[in-house]
Amino acid sequence: MSSIPDNISKIIEQIHAFEQRYDRVRGAVTLLGVSKKQSTAAIREAYEAGIRNFGENYVQEAESKIQQLSSLEICWHFIGPVQSNKTRAIAGLFSWVHSVDRVKIARRLSEQRNPSEQPLNVCVQVNLSGEFSKSGVGLIEAKKLCGQINNMENLCLRGLMAIPAPQEDFQDQCRTFHELATLFHELQALFPRFDTLSMGMSGDYEAAIAEGSTMVRIGSALFGPRD
């Protein structure tokens, strides 16, 4: 069985190879380790292997980890669905939220973020596949939501995120990601800090990088199967 450092080394090597293959600048893509359901020991091991960005889906689980690993210079990202009753905790614990899909949630995060802290970096989650079971706004609604978030005092609008339905075919993956990338480039002209396209996971991050992803969210390929 491969170790976490071995996995990280292979993933980073692949990311650099994909950057070169698809005419991306080397280092353009950030690796976000998806650490939900992983132990603090595993996160520490990944940190020691060079990962600094970690993504969590569940507030209660994340809170315990963040406290236990407070001595490490980790940038914590919330990547799960945001419930209204969790916004205060999310606003206090995390530096990034990738999964904002309602103006109500954005407003609560802004109001509950401590003004003495740096603004909370947020991405708008777009539902590319039209799945009722998935969070996210449609492509058309995303532009309006970005405009509303951009005016909120304690938030910094950074980009877009998506979790499309799994697809086996590489070209199908590319077509789906291309939709989000097209919107991303359109909105970059409107919002000054809009620099993050959070798309691509363990099974489709090559296609995501090909279409312009700046941050890939990797869990099982990095940590191995979850318990």
C-alpha atoms as a PDB file:
ATOM      1  CA  MET A   1       0.000   0.000   0.000  1.00  0.00           C
ATOM      2  CA  SER A   2       1.326   3.442  -0.932  1.00  0.00           C
ATOM      3  CA  SER A   3       2.057   5.903   1.845  1.00  0.00           C
ATOM      4  CA  ILE A   4       0.571   9.387   2.041  1.00  0.00           C
ATOM      5  CA  PRO A   5       3.907  11.057   1.131  1.00  0.00           C
ATOM      6  CA  ASP A   6       4.229   8.716  -1.872  1.00  0.00           C
ATOM      7  CA  ASN A   7       0.693   9.553  -2.970  1.00  0.00           C
ATOM      8  CA  ILE A   8       1.331  13.282  -2.636  1.00  0.00           C
ATOM      9  CA  SER A   9       4.543  13.029  -4.621  1.00  0.00           C
ATOM     10  CA  LYS A  10       2.766  11.172  -7.436  1.00  0.00           C
ATOM     11  CA  ILE A  11      -0.172  13.602  -7.503  1.00  0.00           C
ATOM     12  CA  ILE A  12       2.070  16.670  -7.590  1.00  0.00           C
ATOM     13  CA  GLU A  13       4.141  15.079 -10.349  1.00  0.00           C
ATOM     14  CA  GLN A  14       0.942  14.408 -12.318  1.00  0.00           C
ATOM     15  CA  ILE A  15      -0.344  17.947 -11.749  1.00  0.00           C
ATOM     16  CA  HIS A  16       2.896  19.392 -13.130  1.00  0.00           C
ATOM     17  CA  ALA A  17       2.722  17.000 -16.099  1.00  0.00           C
ATOM     18  CA  PHE A  18      -0.870  18.081 -16.824  1.00  0.00           C
ATOM     19  CA  GLU A  19       0.082  21.757 -16.484  1.00  0.00           C
ATOM     20  CA  GLN A  20       2.740  21.235 -19.134  1.00  0.00           C
ATOM     21  CA  ARG A  21       0.491  19.104 -21.372  1.00  0.00           C
ATOM     22  CA  TYR A  22      -2.301  21.679 -21.428  1.00  0.00           C
ATOM     23  CA  ASP A  23      -0.118  24.802 -21.673  1.00  0.00           C
ATOM     24  CA  ARG A  24      -0.684  25.902 -18.107  1.00  0.00           C
ATOM     25  CA  VAL A  25       1.938  27.784 -16.109  1.00  0.00           C
ATOM     26  CA  ARG A  26       3.834  25.475 -13.775  1.00  0.00           C
ATOM     27  CA  GLY A  27       2.436  25.945 -10.275  1.00  0.00           C
ATOM     28  CA  ALA A  28      -0.883  27.337 -11.543  1.00  0.00           C
ATOM     29  CA  VAL A  29      -2.848  24.562  -9.815  1.00  0.00           C
ATOM     30  CA  THR A  30      -3.093  24.297  -6.023  1.00  0.00           C
ATOM     31  CA  LEU A  31      -3.548  20.875  -4.432  1.00  0.00           C
ATOM     32  CA  LEU A  32      -6.263  20.905  -1.762  1.00  0.00           C
ATOM     33  CA  GLY A  33      -6.201  17.777   0.395  1.00  0.00           C
ATOM     34  CA  VAL A  34      -9.751  16.630   1.190  1.00  0.00           C
ATOM     35  CA  SER A  35      -9.336  15.428   4.755  1.00  0.00           C
ATOM     36  CA  LYS A  36     -12.909  14.609   5.771  1.00  0.00           C
ATOM     37  CA  LYS A  37     -13.095  11.325   7.698  1.00  0.00           C
ATOM     38  CA  GLN A  38      -9.295  11.289   7.946  1.00  0.00           C
ATOM     39  CA  SER A  39      -7.418  11.252  11.242  1.00  0.00           C
ATOM     40  CA  THR A  40      -5.356  14.120  12.566  1.00  0.00           C
ATOM     41  CA  ALA A  41      -2.329  11.824  12.263  1.00  0.00           C
ATOM     42  CA  ALA A  42      -2.991  11.419   8.538  1.00  0.00           C
ATOM     43  CA  ILE A  43      -3.419  15.180   8.113  1.00  0.00           C
ATOM     44  CA  ARG A  44      -0.186  15.797  10.002  1.00  0.00           C
ATOM     45  CA  GLU A  45       1.581  13.298   7.746  1.00  0.00           C
ATOM     46  CA  ALA A  46       0.271  15.090   4.656  1.00  0.00           C
ATOM     47  CA  TYR A  47       1.327  18.425   6.138  1.00  0.00           C
ATOM     48  CA  GLU A  48       4.840  17.148   6.749  1.00  0.00           C
ATOM     49  CA  ALA A  49       4.886  16.024   3.103  1.00  0.00           C
ATOM     50  CA  GLY A  50       4.176  19.590   1.999  1.00  0.00           C
ATOM     51  CA  ILE A  51       0.385  20.049   1.851  1.00  0.00           C
ATOM     52  CA  ARG A  52      -0.832  23.299   3.411  1.00  0.00           C
ATOM     53  CA  ASN A  53      -4.454  23.472   2.207  1.00  0.00           C
ATOM     54  CA  PHE A  54      -7.012  21.034   3.627  1.00  0.00           C
ATOM     55  CA  GLY A  55     -10.732  20.755   2.929  1.00  0.00           C
ATOM     56  CA  GLU A  56     -13.411  19.598   5.362  1.00  0.00           C
ATOM     57  CA  ASN A  57     -17.114  18.862   4.829  1.00  0.00           C
ATOM     58  CA  TYR A  58     -18.490  18.608   8.369  1.00  0.00           C
ATOM     59  CA  VAL A  59     -18.251  21.414  10.900  1.00  0.00           C
ATOM     60  CA  GLN A  60     -18.190  19.353  14.094  1.00  0.00           C
ATOM     61  CA  GLU A  61     -15.516  16.998  12.784  1.00  0.00           C
ATOM     62  CA  ALA A  62     -13.460  19.897  11.449  1.00  0.00           C
ATOM     63  CA  GLU A  63     -13.631  21.890  14.676  1.00  0.00           C
ATOM     64  CA  SER A  64     -11.945  19.102  16.624  1.00  0.00           C
ATOM     65  CA  LYS A  65      -9.221  18.681  14.011  1.00  0.00           C
ATOM     66  CA  ILE A  66      -8.560  22.407  13.725  1.00  0.00           C
ATOM     67  CA  GLN A  67      -8.103  22.650  17.489  1.00  0.00           C
ATOM     68  CA  GLN A  68      -5.807  19.630  17.652  1.00  0.00           C
ATOM     69  CA  LEU A  69      -3.676  20.860  14.746  1.00  0.00           C
ATOM     70  CA  SER A  70      -3.625  24.541  15.700  1.00  0.00           C
ATOM     71  CA  SER A  71       0.179  24.547  15.936  1.00  0.00           C
ATOM     72  CA  LEU A  72       0.447  23.852  12.187  1.00  0.00           C
ATOM     73  CA  GLU A  73       0.163  26.600   9.580  1.00  0.00           C
ATOM     74  CA  ILE A  74      -2.788  25.031   7.801  1.00  0.00           C
ATOM     75  CA  CYS A  75      -5.206  26.926   5.578  1.00  0.00           C
ATOM     76  CA  TRP A  76      -8.612  25.336   6.208  1.00  0.00           C
ATOM     77  CA  HIS A  77     -11.260  25.244   3.481  1.00  0.00           C
ATOM     78  CA  PHE A  78     -14.914  24.368   4.038  1.00  0.00           C
ATOM     79  CA  ILE A  79     -16.137  22.447   0.988  1.00  0.00           C
ATOM     80  CA  GLY A  80     -19.418  20.863   2.135  1.00  0.00           C
ATOM     81  CA  PRO A  81     -22.999  22.141   1.961  1.00  0.00           C
ATOM     82  CA  VAL A  82     -23.452  25.148   4.260  1.00  0.00           C
ATOM     83  CA  GLN A  83     -26.376  24.929   6.674  1.00  0.00           C
ATOM     84  CA  SER A  84     -27.776  28.139   8.143  1.00  0.00           C
ATOM     85  CA  ASN A  85     -27.209  26.958  11.715  1.00  0.00           C
ATOM     86  CA  LYS A  86     -23.514  26.282  10.974  1.00  0.00           C
ATOM     87  CA  THR A  87     -22.530  29.618   9.468  1.00  0.00           C
ATOM     88  CA  ARG A  88     -21.230  31.143  12.709  1.00  0.00           C
ATOM     89  CA  ALA A  89     -18.887  28.222  13.304  1.00  0.00           C
ATOM     90  CA  ILE A  90     -17.759  28.175   9.661  1.00  0.00           C
ATOM     91  CA  ALA A  91     -17.119  31.920   9.679  1.00  0.00           C
ATOM     92  CA  GLY A  92     -14.919  31.528  12.745  1.00  0.00           C
ATOM     93  CA  LEU A  93     -13.014  28.361  11.862  1.00  0.00           C
ATOM     94  CA  PHE A  94     -12.195  28.573   8.172  1.00  0.00           C
ATOM     95  CA  SER A  95     -10.258  30.804   5.800  1.00  0.00           C
ATOM     96  CA  TRP A  96     -12.171  29.638   2.718  1.00  0.00           C
ATOM     97  CA  VAL A  97     -15.705  28.502   1.929  1.00  0.00           C
ATOM     98  CA  HIS A  98     -16.101  26.886  -1.510  1.00  0.00           C
ATOM     99  CA  SER A  99     -19.777  26.043  -1.296  1.00  0.00           C
ATOM    100  CA  VAL A 100     -21.791  29.265  -1.072  1.00  0.00           C
ATOM    101  CA  ASP A 101     -24.966  28.931  -3.131  1.00  0.00           C
ATOM    102  CA  ARG A 102     -27.470  31.291  -1.485  1.00  0.00           C
ATOM    103  CA  VAL A 103     -27.385  34.984  -0.709  1.00  0.00           C
ATOM    104  CA  LYS A 104     -28.809  34.238   2.753  1.00  0.00           C
ATOM    105  CA  ILE A 105     -25.815  32.028   3.553  1.00  0.00           C
ATOM    106  CA  ALA A 106     -23.357  34.590   2.207  1.00  0.00           C
ATOM    107  CA  ARG A 107     -24.958  37.356   4.271  1.00  0.00           C
ATOM    108  CA  ARG A 108     -24.790  35.282   7.461  1.00  0.00           C
ATOM    109  CA  LEU A 109     -21.141  34.421   6.846  1.00  0.00           C
ATOM    110  CA  SER A 110     -20.337  38.090   6.333  1.00  0.00           C
ATOM    111  CA  GLU A 111     -22.220  39.199   9.442  1.00  0.00           C
ATOM    112  CA  GLN A 112     -20.665  36.469  11.587  1.00  0.00           C
ATOM    113  CA  ARG A 113     -17.070  36.851  10.394  1.00  0.00           C
ATOM    114  CA  ASN A 114     -14.995  38.718  12.973  1.00  0.00           C
ATOM    115  CA  PRO A 115     -14.042  42.073  11.376  1.00  0.00           C
ATOM    116  CA  SER A 116     -10.615  41.809  13.014  1.00  0.00           C
ATOM    117  CA  GLU A 117      -9.911  38.710  10.902  1.00  0.00           C
ATOM    118  CA  GLN A 118      -9.037  38.723   7.229  1.00  0.00           C
ATOM    119  CA  PRO A 119     -12.175  38.619   5.033  1.00  0.00           C
ATOM    120  CA  LEU A 120     -13.490  35.107   4.457  1.00  0.00           C
ATOM    121  CA  ASN A 121     -12.553  33.869   0.982  1.00  0.00           C
ATOM    122  CA  VAL A 122     -15.607  32.461  -0.763  1.00  0.00           C
ATOM    123  CA  CYS A 123     -16.413  30.656  -3.996  1.00  0.00           C
ATOM    124  CA  VAL A 124     -19.883  30.317  -5.456  1.00  0.00           C
ATOM    125  CA  GLN A 125     -20.870  26.690  -5.989  1.00  0.00           C
ATOM    126  CA  VAL A 126     -22.406  25.998  -9.391  1.00  0.00           C
ATOM    127  CA  ASN A 127     -24.546  22.936 -10.076  1.00  0.00           C
ATOM    128  CA  LEU A 128     -23.335  21.959 -13.556  1.00  0.00           C
ATOM    129  CA  SER A 129     -25.283  18.719 -13.827  1.00  0.00           C
ATOM    130  CA  GLY A 130     -28.693  19.983 -12.739  1.00  0.00           C
ATOM    131  CA  GLU A 131     -28.877  17.297 -10.045  1.00  0.00           C
ATOM    132  CA  PHE A 132     -31.521  17.990  -7.410  1.00  0.00           C
ATOM    133  CA  SER A 133     -29.410  16.120  -4.856  1.00  0.00           C
ATOM    134  CA  LYS A 134     -26.452  18.466  -5.348  1.00  0.00           C
ATOM    135  CA  SER A 135     -25.979  21.936  -3.902  1.00  0.00           C
ATOM    136  CA  GLY A 136     -25.209  24.865  -6.142  1.00  0.00           C
ATOM    137  CA  VAL A 137     -26.841  27.502  -8.304  1.00  0.00           C
ATOM    138  CA  GLY A 138     -27.301  27.404 -12.055  1.00  0.00           C
ATOM    139  CA  LEU A 139     -24.842  29.113 -14.384  1.00  0.00           C
ATOM    140  CA  ILE A 140     -27.168  32.072 -14.953  1.00  0.00           C
ATOM    141  CA  GLU A 141     -27.951  32.567 -11.242  1.00  0.00           C
ATOM    142  CA  ALA A 142     -24.251  32.347 -10.329  1.00  0.00           C
ATOM    143  CA  LYS A 143     -23.459  35.701 -11.935  1.00  0.00           C
ATOM    144  CA  LYS A 144     -26.148  37.483  -9.888  1.00  0.00           C
ATOM    145  CA  LEU A 145     -25.017  35.800  -6.657  1.00  0.00           C
ATOM    146  CA  CYS A 146     -21.410  36.815  -7.303  1.00  0.00           C
ATOM    147  CA  GLY A 147     -22.510  40.424  -7.672  1.00  0.00           C
ATOM    148  CA  GLN A 148     -24.335  40.296  -4.346  1.00  0.00           C
ATOM    149  CA  ILE A 149     -21.404  38.677  -2.524  1.00  0.00           C
ATOM    150  CA  ASN A 150     -18.928  41.164  -3.955  1.00  0.00           C
ATOM    151  CA  ASN A 151     -20.610  43.930  -1.947  1.00  0.00           C
ATOM    152  CA  MET A 152     -20.455  42.115   1.404  1.00  0.00           C
ATOM    153  CA  GLU A 153     -18.061  43.669   3.869  1.00  0.00           C
ATOM    154  CA  ASN A 154     -16.358  40.667   5.466  1.00  0.00           C
ATOM    155  CA  LEU A 155     -16.231  38.384   2.424  1.00  0.00           C
ATOM    156  CA  CYS A 156     -13.738  38.253  -0.423  1.00  0.00           C
ATOM    157  CA  LEU A 157     -15.230  36.811  -3.604  1.00  0.00           C
ATOM    158  CA  ARG A 158     -12.547  34.539  -5.071  1.00  0.00           C
ATOM    159  CA  GLY A 159     -14.199  32.369  -7.715  1.00  0.00           C
ATOM    160  CA  LEU A 160     -16.372  29.395  -8.608  1.00  0.00           C
ATOM    161  CA  MET A 161     -16.603  25.764  -7.501  1.00  0.00           C
ATOM    162  CA  ALA A 162     -18.412  22.723  -8.883  1.00  0.00           C
ATOM    163  CA  ILE A 163     -18.887  19.026  -8.143  1.00  0.00           C
ATOM    164  CA  PRO A 164     -20.257  17.628 -11.412  1.00  0.00           C
ATOM    165  CA  ALA A 165     -21.817  14.198 -11.698  1.00  0.00           C
ATOM    166  CA  PRO A 166     -19.182  11.466 -12.209  1.00  0.00           C
ATOM    167  CA  GLN A 167     -18.354  10.823 -15.855  1.00  0.00           C
ATOM    168  CA  GLU A 168     -16.012   8.158 -17.193  1.00  0.00           C
ATOM    169  CA  ASP A 169     -15.273   9.699 -20.580  1.00  0.00           C
ATOM    170  CA  PHE A 170     -12.499  12.303 -20.620  1.00  0.00           C
ATOM    171  CA  GLN A 171     -14.103  14.431 -23.336  1.00  0.00           C
ATOM    172  CA  ASP A 172     -17.409  14.472 -21.447  1.00  0.00           C
ATOM    173  CA  GLN A 173     -15.557  15.625 -18.332  1.00  0.00           C
ATOM    174  CA  CYS A 174     -13.878  18.386 -20.334  1.00  0.00           C
ATOM    175  CA  ARG A 175     -17.150  19.585 -21.836  1.00  0.00           C
ATOM    176  CA  THR A 176     -18.721  19.887 -18.399  1.00  0.00           C
ATOM    177  CA  PHE A 177     -15.756  21.743 -16.898  1.00  0.00           C
ATOM    178  CA  HIS A 178     -15.570  24.006 -19.945  1.00  0.00           C
ATOM    179  CA  GLU A 179     -18.996  25.434 -19.065  1.00  0.00           C
ATOM    180  CA  LEU A 180     -17.751  26.562 -15.667  1.00  0.00           C
ATOM    181  CA  ALA A 181     -14.462  27.850 -17.074  1.00  0.00           C
ATOM    182  CA  THR A 182     -16.332  29.981 -19.615  1.00  0.00           C
ATOM    183  CA  LEU A 183     -18.368  31.637 -16.860  1.00  0.00           C
ATOM    184  CA  PHE A 184     -15.248  32.040 -14.733  1.00  0.00           C
ATOM    185  CA  HIS A 185     -13.412  33.981 -17.441  1.00  0.00           C
ATOM    186  CA  GLU A 186     -16.467  36.176 -18.026  1.00  0.00           C
ATOM    187  CA  LEU A 187     -16.694  37.055 -14.340  1.00  0.00           C
ATOM    188  CA  GLN A 188     -12.970  37.701 -13.984  1.00  0.00           C
ATOM    189  CA  ALA A 189     -13.512  40.902 -15.931  1.00  0.00           C
ATOM    190  CA  LEU A 190     -16.072  42.072 -13.366  1.00  0.00           C
ATOM    191  CA  PHE A 191     -14.571  41.173  -9.993  1.00  0.00           C
ATOM    192  CA  PRO A 192     -11.016  42.189  -9.025  1.00  0.00           C
ATOM    193  CA  ARG A 193     -10.070  39.256  -6.777  1.00  0.00           C
ATOM    194  CA  PHE A 194     -11.725  36.569  -8.914  1.00  0.00           C
ATOM    195  CA  ASP A 195      -8.825  34.131  -9.355  1.00  0.00           C
ATOM    196  CA  THR A 196      -9.985  30.678  -8.194  1.00  0.00           C
ATOM    197  CA  LEU A 197     -11.616  27.940 -10.228  1.00  0.00           C
ATOM    198  CA  SER A 198     -12.134  25.098  -7.766  1.00  0.00           C
ATOM    199  CA  MET A 199     -12.890  22.027  -9.853  1.00  0.00           C
ATOM    200  CA  GLY A 200     -11.510  18.542 -10.246  1.00  0.00           C
ATOM    201  CA  MET A 201     -11.331  15.599  -7.836  1.00  0.00           C
ATOM    202  CA  SER A 202      -9.510  12.273  -7.724  1.00  0.00           C
ATOM    203  CA  GLY A 203     -11.349  10.846 -10.748  1.00  0.00           C
ATOM    204  CA  ASP A 204     -11.377  13.846 -13.094  1.00  0.00           C
ATOM    205  CA  TYR A 205      -8.654  16.313 -12.189  1.00  0.00           C
ATOM    206  CA  GLU A 206      -6.797  15.923 -15.485  1.00  0.00           C
ATOM    207  CA  ALA A 207      -9.849  17.193 -17.377  1.00  0.00           C
ATOM    208  CA  ALA A 208     -10.290  19.975 -14.820  1.00  0.00           C
ATOM    209  CA  ILE A 209      -6.695  21.136 -15.280  1.00  0.00           C
ATOM    210  CA  ALA A 210      -7.096  20.923 -19.047  1.00  0.00           C
ATOM    211  CA  GLU A 211     -10.039  23.324 -18.767  1.00  0.00           C
ATOM    212  CA  GLY A 212      -8.348  25.812 -16.442  1.00  0.00           C
ATOM    213  CA  SER A 213      -8.841  24.673 -12.853  1.00  0.00           C
ATOM    214  CA  THR A 214      -6.675  26.525 -10.348  1.00  0.00           C
ATOM    215  CA  MET A 215      -7.471  24.269  -7.376  1.00  0.00           C
ATOM    216  CA  VAL A 216      -8.097  20.522  -7.388  1.00  0.00           C
ATOM    217  CA  ARG A 217      -9.715  18.834  -4.390  1.00  0.00           C
ATOM    218  CA  ILE A 218      -8.108  15.414  -3.887  1.00  0.00           C
ATOM    219  CA  GLY A 219      -9.142  12.962  -1.169  1.00  0.00           C
ATOM    220  CA  SER A 220      -8.943   9.243  -1.854  1.00  0.00           C
ATOM    221  CA  ALA A 221      -5.988   9.481  -4.245  1.00  0.00           C
ATOM    222  CA  LEU A 222      -4.051  11.335  -1.567  1.00  0.00           C
ATOM    223  CA  PHE A 223      -5.114   9.678   1.693  1.00  0.00           C
ATOM    224  CA  GLY A 224      -6.314   6.326   0.392  1.00  0.00           C
ATOM    225  CA  PRO A 225      -9.802   4.886   1.015  1.00  0.00           C
ATOM    226  CA  ARG A 226     -11.774   6.452   3.873  1.00  0.00           C
ATOM    227  CA  ASP A 227     -12.791   4.373   6.886  1.00  0.00           C
END
